[in-house]
Amino acid sequence: MMINREKKLSEKEKKDSVEAPAVDEDELITEVNQDFDEDIADQSTTESIQEKLDESNDRLLRMAAEMENLRKRSLREKEDAIKYSITKFSRDIITVADDLERALESTTNIETLNIEDTKNLIEGIEITMKSLKQIFTRNGIERFDPLGEKFDPTQHEAMFEVPDDEKESGIVAHIVEPGYKISDRVLRPARVGVSKSNTKKNG
């Protein structure tokens, strides 16, 4: 009986060993390698993302630095433009100052002026005035005389009223000082007297 039992157990073990799936060593190694490769790929992807983030951060920092340099340069150029904008005009005005100085030097003593000295002085002033007008023209400065025009508070400054029944009220009737403008901008309004009519119109 014992022999038969051992025989049955031996046959059962043999049957179980036949039915159990065989382990493929190469397949197992392949699976392990795949898992390892995936881990490496994940790590590589993380490092790649970090590198791209670092590159983007560097670009942003460089752009910020360039923008700041541009802002400072623009501010400096603006300050220089304001500071030196009248350089050309100033050089021209120096010429006028020279002309006036020469005119005054031609009359050393005003108390002993003779006709010739007076004539030279007047000629010097006329030359200076001509030079000044040329400077104004070169620099786009225009003189305007609004006599007879309708009073315009954007270009005229009323100094007093001029009673005049021949004109309607609000007409420039007298020029105290002419106005000056550059392009469309008024440098100095014309100082004027404005007409005031006392005549009442019948309706």
C-alpha atoms as a PDB file:
ATOM      1  CA  MET A   1       0.000   0.000   0.000  1.00  0.00           C
ATOM      2  CA  MET A   2       2.808   2.375   0.870  1.00  0.00           C
ATOM      3  CA  ILE A   3       4.500   1.717  -2.440  1.00  0.00           C
ATOM      4  CA  ASN A   4       1.359   2.518  -4.401  1.00  0.00           C
ATOM      5  CA  ARG A   5       0.867   5.757  -2.504  1.00  0.00           C
ATOM      6  CA  GLU A   6       4.407   6.932  -3.211  1.00  0.00           C
ATOM      7  CA  LYS A   7       3.944   6.010  -6.830  1.00  0.00           C
ATOM      8  CA  LYS A   8       0.780   8.096  -7.077  1.00  0.00           C
ATOM      9  CA  LEU A   9       2.489  11.102  -5.461  1.00  0.00           C
ATOM     10  CA  SER A  10       5.401  10.815  -7.850  1.00  0.00           C
ATOM     11  CA  GLU A  11       3.071  10.730 -10.834  1.00  0.00           C
ATOM     12  CA  LYS A  12       1.156  13.779  -9.496  1.00  0.00           C
ATOM     13  CA  GLU A  13       4.373  15.786  -9.016  1.00  0.00           C
ATOM     14  CA  LYS A  14       5.454  14.859 -12.520  1.00  0.00           C
ATOM     15  CA  LYS A  15       2.076  15.980 -13.877  1.00  0.00           C
ATOM     16  CA  ASP A  16       2.268  19.311 -11.979  1.00  0.00           C
ATOM     17  CA  SER A  17       5.745  19.912 -13.262  1.00  0.00           C
ATOM     18  CA  VAL A  18       4.547  19.368 -16.805  1.00  0.00           C
ATOM     19  CA  GLU A  19       1.557  21.709 -16.412  1.00  0.00           C
ATOM     20  CA  ALA A  20       3.568  24.604 -14.761  1.00  0.00           C
ATOM     21  CA  PRO A  21       4.605  27.228 -17.340  1.00  0.00           C
ATOM     22  CA  ALA A  22       8.251  27.366 -18.121  1.00  0.00           C
ATOM     23  CA  VAL A  23      10.091  30.631 -17.303  1.00  0.00           C
ATOM     24  CA  ASP A  24      11.902  32.141 -20.312  1.00  0.00           C
ATOM     25  CA  GLU A  25      15.090  33.709 -19.007  1.00  0.00           C
ATOM     26  CA  ASP A  26      15.679  35.841 -22.139  1.00  0.00           C
ATOM     27  CA  GLU A  27      12.150  37.225 -21.977  1.00  0.00           C
ATOM     28  CA  LEU A  28      12.599  38.100 -18.327  1.00  0.00           C
ATOM     29  CA  ILE A  29      15.855  39.940 -19.081  1.00  0.00           C
ATOM     30  CA  THR A  30      14.149  41.807 -21.925  1.00  0.00           C
ATOM     31  CA  GLU A  31      11.345  42.964 -19.623  1.00  0.00           C
ATOM     32  CA  VAL A  32      13.835  44.132 -17.018  1.00  0.00           C
ATOM     33  CA  ASN A  33      15.782  46.041 -19.673  1.00  0.00           C
ATOM     34  CA  GLN A  34      12.585  47.671 -20.964  1.00  0.00           C
ATOM     35  CA  ASP A  35      11.670  48.830 -17.469  1.00  0.00           C
ATOM     36  CA  PHE A  36      15.180  50.209 -17.042  1.00  0.00           C
ATOM     37  CA  ASP A  37      15.022  51.997 -20.414  1.00  0.00           C
ATOM     38  CA  GLU A  38      11.673  53.563 -19.478  1.00  0.00           C
ATOM     39  CA  ASP A  39      13.143  54.848 -16.218  1.00  0.00           C
ATOM     40  CA  ILE A  40      16.096  56.298 -18.113  1.00  0.00           C
ATOM     41  CA  ALA A  41      13.741  57.872 -20.683  1.00  0.00           C
ATOM     42  CA  ASP A  42      11.640  59.451 -17.941  1.00  0.00           C
ATOM     43  CA  GLN A  43      14.757  60.864 -16.319  1.00  0.00           C
ATOM     44  CA  SER A  44      16.029  62.114 -19.691  1.00  0.00           C
ATOM     45  CA  THR A  45      12.676  63.809 -20.394  1.00  0.00           C
ATOM     46  CA  THR A  46      12.759  65.552 -17.013  1.00  0.00           C
ATOM     47  CA  GLU A  47      16.301  66.765 -17.627  1.00  0.00           C
ATOM     48  CA  SER A  48      15.322  67.977 -21.118  1.00  0.00           C
ATOM     49  CA  ILE A  49      12.378  69.944 -19.730  1.00  0.00           C
ATOM     50  CA  GLN A  50      14.601  71.499 -17.069  1.00  0.00           C
ATOM     51  CA  GLU A  51      17.161  72.476 -19.707  1.00  0.00           C
ATOM     52  CA  LYS A  52      14.450  74.144 -21.791  1.00  0.00           C
ATOM     53  CA  LEU A  53      13.161  75.984 -18.734  1.00  0.00           C
ATOM     54  CA  ASP A  54      16.677  77.185 -17.952  1.00  0.00           C
ATOM     55  CA  GLU A  55      17.167  78.347 -21.554  1.00  0.00           C
ATOM     56  CA  SER A  56      13.833  80.193 -21.522  1.00  0.00           C
ATOM     57  CA  ASN A  57      14.722  81.836 -18.226  1.00  0.00           C
ATOM     58  CA  ASP A  58      18.086  82.948 -19.617  1.00  0.00           C
ATOM     59  CA  ARG A  59      16.394  84.422 -22.706  1.00  0.00           C
ATOM     60  CA  LEU A  60      13.901  86.304 -20.554  1.00  0.00           C
ATOM     61  CA  LEU A  61      16.692  87.700 -18.391  1.00  0.00           C
ATOM     62  CA  ARG A  62      18.630  88.825 -21.476  1.00  0.00           C
ATOM     63  CA  MET A  63      15.513  90.422 -22.968  1.00  0.00           C
ATOM     64  CA  ALA A  64      14.797  92.228 -19.697  1.00  0.00           C
ATOM     65  CA  ALA A  65      18.371  93.528 -19.601  1.00  0.00           C
ATOM     66  CA  GLU A  66      18.164  94.680 -23.231  1.00  0.00           C
ATOM     67  CA  MET A  67      14.846  96.439 -22.588  1.00  0.00           C
ATOM     68  CA  GLU A  68      16.313  98.220 -19.565  1.00  0.00           C
ATOM     69  CA  ASN A  69      19.347  99.321 -21.588  1.00  0.00           C
ATOM     70  CA  LEU A  70      17.042 100.539 -24.367  1.00  0.00           C
ATOM     71  CA  ARG A  71      14.944 102.488 -21.851  1.00  0.00           C
ATOM     72  CA  LYS A  72      18.024 104.148 -20.366  1.00  0.00           C
ATOM     73  CA  ARG A  73      19.412 104.972 -23.821  1.00  0.00           C
ATOM     74  CA  SER A  74      16.089 106.455 -24.954  1.00  0.00           C
ATOM     75  CA  LEU A  75      15.873 108.541 -21.787  1.00  0.00           C
ATOM     76  CA  ARG A  76      19.433 109.780 -22.273  1.00  0.00           C
ATOM     77  CA  GLU A  77      18.759 110.660 -25.923  1.00  0.00           C
ATOM     78  CA  LYS A  78      15.587 112.497 -24.918  1.00  0.00           C
ATOM     79  CA  GLU A  79      17.463 114.493 -22.284  1.00  0.00           C
ATOM     80  CA  ASP A  80      20.196 115.336 -24.803  1.00  0.00           C
ATOM     81  CA  ALA A  81      17.597 116.376 -27.382  1.00  0.00           C
ATOM     82  CA  ILE A  82      15.996 118.757 -24.885  1.00  0.00           C
ATOM     83  CA  LYS A  83      19.335 120.057 -23.652  1.00  0.00           C
ATOM     84  CA  TYR A  84      20.855 120.689 -27.073  1.00  0.00           C
ATOM     85  CA  SER A  85      17.735 121.357 -29.171  1.00  0.00           C
ATOM     86  CA  ILE A  86      18.509 125.085 -29.416  1.00  0.00           C
ATOM     87  CA  THR A  87      22.189 124.611 -30.270  1.00  0.00           C
ATOM     88  CA  LYS A  88      21.770 125.651 -33.918  1.00  0.00           C
ATOM     89  CA  PHE A  89      19.600 128.627 -33.007  1.00  0.00           C
ATOM     90  CA  SER A  90      22.043 129.649 -30.283  1.00  0.00           C
ATOM     91  CA  ARG A  91      24.936 129.704 -32.761  1.00  0.00           C
ATOM     92  CA  ASP A  92      22.890 131.955 -35.045  1.00  0.00           C
ATOM     93  CA  ILE A  93      22.002 134.312 -32.198  1.00  0.00           C
ATOM     94  CA  ILE A  94      25.695 134.644 -31.329  1.00  0.00           C
ATOM     95  CA  THR A  95      26.161 136.146 -34.793  1.00  0.00           C
ATOM     96  CA  VAL A  96      23.514 138.764 -34.014  1.00  0.00           C
ATOM     97  CA  ALA A  97      25.256 139.563 -30.735  1.00  0.00           C
ATOM     98  CA  ASP A  98      28.511 140.076 -32.653  1.00  0.00           C
ATOM     99  CA  ASP A  99      26.774 142.452 -35.079  1.00  0.00           C
ATOM    100  CA  LEU A 100      25.288 144.491 -32.236  1.00  0.00           C
ATOM    101  CA  GLU A 101      28.635 144.672 -30.500  1.00  0.00           C
ATOM    102  CA  ARG A 102      30.328 145.935 -33.662  1.00  0.00           C
ATOM    103  CA  ALA A 103      27.582 148.536 -34.131  1.00  0.00           C
ATOM    104  CA  LEU A 104      28.106 149.816 -30.597  1.00  0.00           C
ATOM    105  CA  GLU A 105      31.888 149.852 -30.998  1.00  0.00           C
ATOM    106  CA  SER A 106      31.489 152.137 -33.997  1.00  0.00           C
ATOM    107  CA  THR A 107      30.127 154.799 -31.618  1.00  0.00           C
ATOM    108  CA  THR A 108      32.637 155.014 -28.805  1.00  0.00           C
ATOM    109  CA  ASN A 109      31.076 158.061 -27.168  1.00  0.00           C
ATOM    110  CA  ILE A 110      27.360 158.704 -27.606  1.00  0.00           C
ATOM    111  CA  GLU A 111      27.718 162.312 -26.400  1.00  0.00           C
ATOM    112  CA  THR A 112      30.026 163.187 -29.274  1.00  0.00           C
ATOM    113  CA  LEU A 113      28.054 161.438 -32.017  1.00  0.00           C
ATOM    114  CA  ASN A 114      28.172 163.207 -35.326  1.00  0.00           C
ATOM    115  CA  ILE A 115      26.099 162.617 -38.405  1.00  0.00           C
ATOM    116  CA  GLU A 116      28.527 160.028 -39.746  1.00  0.00           C
ATOM    117  CA  ASP A 117      28.551 158.084 -36.474  1.00  0.00           C
ATOM    118  CA  THR A 118      24.764 158.133 -36.343  1.00  0.00           C
ATOM    119  CA  LYS A 119      24.587 156.921 -39.902  1.00  0.00           C
ATOM    120  CA  ASN A 120      26.996 154.063 -39.145  1.00  0.00           C
ATOM    121  CA  LEU A 121      24.978 153.111 -36.064  1.00  0.00           C
ATOM    122  CA  ILE A 122      21.724 153.004 -38.008  1.00  0.00           C
ATOM    123  CA  GLU A 123      23.328 150.955 -40.761  1.00  0.00           C
ATOM    124  CA  GLY A 124      24.719 148.533 -38.180  1.00  0.00           C
ATOM    125  CA  ILE A 125      21.289 148.110 -36.600  1.00  0.00           C
ATOM    126  CA  GLU A 126      19.694 147.555 -40.011  1.00  0.00           C
ATOM    127  CA  ILE A 127      22.280 144.897 -40.873  1.00  0.00           C
ATOM    128  CA  THR A 128      21.682 143.216 -37.517  1.00  0.00           C
ATOM    129  CA  MET A 129      17.914 143.242 -38.028  1.00  0.00           C
ATOM    130  CA  LYS A 130      18.306 141.731 -41.487  1.00  0.00           C
ATOM    131  CA  SER A 131      20.563 139.029 -40.071  1.00  0.00           C
ATOM    132  CA  LEU A 132      18.053 138.305 -37.312  1.00  0.00           C
ATOM    133  CA  LYS A 133      15.195 137.894 -39.800  1.00  0.00           C
ATOM    134  CA  GLN A 134      17.302 135.441 -41.798  1.00  0.00           C
ATOM    135  CA  ILE A 135      17.957 133.460 -38.626  1.00  0.00           C
ATOM    136  CA  PHE A 136      14.233 133.339 -37.887  1.00  0.00           C
ATOM    137  CA  THR A 137      13.536 132.075 -41.408  1.00  0.00           C
ATOM    138  CA  ARG A 138      16.199 129.346 -41.172  1.00  0.00           C
ATOM    139  CA  ASN A 139      14.746 128.151 -37.879  1.00  0.00           C
ATOM    140  CA  GLY A 140      11.112 128.237 -39.012  1.00  0.00           C
ATOM    141  CA  ILE A 141      10.170 131.227 -36.849  1.00  0.00           C
ATOM    142  CA  GLU A 142       7.466 133.391 -38.378  1.00  0.00           C
ATOM    143  CA  ARG A 143       6.368 136.852 -37.314  1.00  0.00           C
ATOM    144  CA  PHE A 144       2.666 137.652 -37.628  1.00  0.00           C
ATOM    145  CA  ASP A 145       0.855 140.967 -37.499  1.00  0.00           C
ATOM    146  CA  PRO A 146      -2.919 140.495 -36.991  1.00  0.00           C
ATOM    147  CA  LEU A 147      -3.999 144.105 -37.547  1.00  0.00           C
ATOM    148  CA  GLY A 148      -7.601 144.178 -38.777  1.00  0.00           C
ATOM    149  CA  GLU A 149      -8.219 140.516 -37.949  1.00  0.00           C
ATOM    150  CA  LYS A 150     -10.804 139.096 -35.584  1.00  0.00           C
ATOM    151  CA  PHE A 151      -9.382 138.796 -32.088  1.00  0.00           C
ATOM    152  CA  ASP A 152      -8.220 135.222 -31.427  1.00  0.00           C
ATOM    153  CA  PRO A 153      -7.336 134.461 -27.782  1.00  0.00           C
ATOM    154  CA  THR A 154      -5.173 131.520 -28.883  1.00  0.00           C
ATOM    155  CA  GLN A 155      -2.871 133.857 -30.847  1.00  0.00           C
ATOM    156  CA  HIS A 156      -3.516 137.335 -29.468  1.00  0.00           C
ATOM    157  CA  GLU A 157      -3.226 138.942 -26.067  1.00  0.00           C
ATOM    158  CA  ALA A 158      -5.580 141.872 -25.489  1.00  0.00           C
ATOM    159  CA  MET A 159      -3.814 144.750 -23.737  1.00  0.00           C
ATOM    160  CA  PHE A 160      -6.591 147.346 -23.929  1.00  0.00           C
ATOM    161  CA  GLU A 161      -9.783 148.274 -25.760  1.00  0.00           C
ATOM    162  CA  VAL A 162      -9.948 150.822 -28.565  1.00  0.00           C
ATOM    163  CA  PRO A 163     -13.291 152.670 -28.865  1.00  0.00           C
ATOM    164  CA  ASP A 164     -14.185 152.645 -32.548  1.00  0.00           C
ATOM    165  CA  ASP A 165     -17.708 152.959 -33.887  1.00  0.00           C
ATOM    166  CA  GLU A 166     -16.448 152.340 -37.418  1.00  0.00           C
ATOM    167  CA  LYS A 167     -15.526 148.732 -36.583  1.00  0.00           C
ATOM    168  CA  GLU A 168     -17.420 145.952 -34.948  1.00  0.00           C
ATOM    169  CA  SER A 169     -16.250 144.934 -31.505  1.00  0.00           C
ATOM    170  CA  GLY A 170     -13.496 142.347 -31.210  1.00  0.00           C
ATOM    171  CA  ILE A 171     -11.311 143.470 -34.121  1.00  0.00           C
ATOM    172  CA  VAL A 172      -7.559 143.957 -33.654  1.00  0.00           C
ATOM    173  CA  ALA A 173      -7.222 147.729 -34.002  1.00  0.00           C
ATOM    174  CA  HIS A 174      -3.700 148.303 -32.702  1.00  0.00           C
ATOM    175  CA  ILE A 175      -0.478 146.296 -32.492  1.00  0.00           C
ATOM    176  CA  VAL A 176       1.621 146.744 -29.371  1.00  0.00           C
ATOM    177  CA  GLU A 177       3.994 143.886 -30.194  1.00  0.00           C
ATOM    178  CA  PRO A 178       3.842 141.466 -33.130  1.00  0.00           C
ATOM    179  CA  GLY A 179       3.405 137.765 -32.502  1.00  0.00           C
ATOM    180  CA  TYR A 180       5.810 134.964 -33.340  1.00  0.00           C
ATOM    181  CA  LYS A 181       5.171 131.305 -34.034  1.00  0.00           C
ATOM    182  CA  ILE A 182       7.062 128.255 -35.179  1.00  0.00           C
ATOM    183  CA  SER A 183       5.032 126.092 -37.556  1.00  0.00           C
ATOM    184  CA  ASP A 184       1.562 126.093 -35.960  1.00  0.00           C
ATOM    185  CA  ARG A 185       2.752 126.716 -32.399  1.00  0.00           C
ATOM    186  CA  VAL A 186       2.612 130.230 -30.987  1.00  0.00           C
ATOM    187  CA  LEU A 187       5.914 131.270 -29.418  1.00  0.00           C
ATOM    188  CA  ARG A 188       4.545 134.608 -28.295  1.00  0.00           C
ATOM    189  CA  PRO A 189       1.031 135.931 -28.844  1.00  0.00           C
ATOM    190  CA  ALA A 190       0.646 139.276 -30.535  1.00  0.00           C
ATOM    191  CA  ARG A 191      -0.074 141.942 -27.924  1.00  0.00           C
ATOM    192  CA  VAL A 192      -2.884 144.052 -29.282  1.00  0.00           C
ATOM    193  CA  GLY A 193      -5.568 146.641 -28.698  1.00  0.00           C
ATOM    194  CA  VAL A 194      -9.071 145.408 -29.502  1.00  0.00           C
ATOM    195  CA  SER A 195     -11.870 147.520 -30.946  1.00  0.00           C
ATOM    196  CA  LYS A 196     -15.003 148.229 -28.954  1.00  0.00           C
ATOM    197  CA  SER A 197     -18.018 149.663 -30.728  1.00  0.00           C
ATOM    198  CA  ASN A 198     -20.574 151.687 -28.780  1.00  0.00           C
ATOM    199  CA  THR A 199     -23.019 151.783 -31.681  1.00  0.00           C
ATOM    200  CA  LYS A 200     -26.178 149.798 -30.991  1.00  0.00           C
ATOM    201  CA  LYS A 201     -27.662 148.029 -33.973  1.00  0.00           C
ATOM    202  CA  ASN A 202     -31.379 148.383 -34.466  1.00  0.00           C
ATOM    203  CA  GLY A 203     -33.157 145.080 -34.697  1.00  0.00           C
END
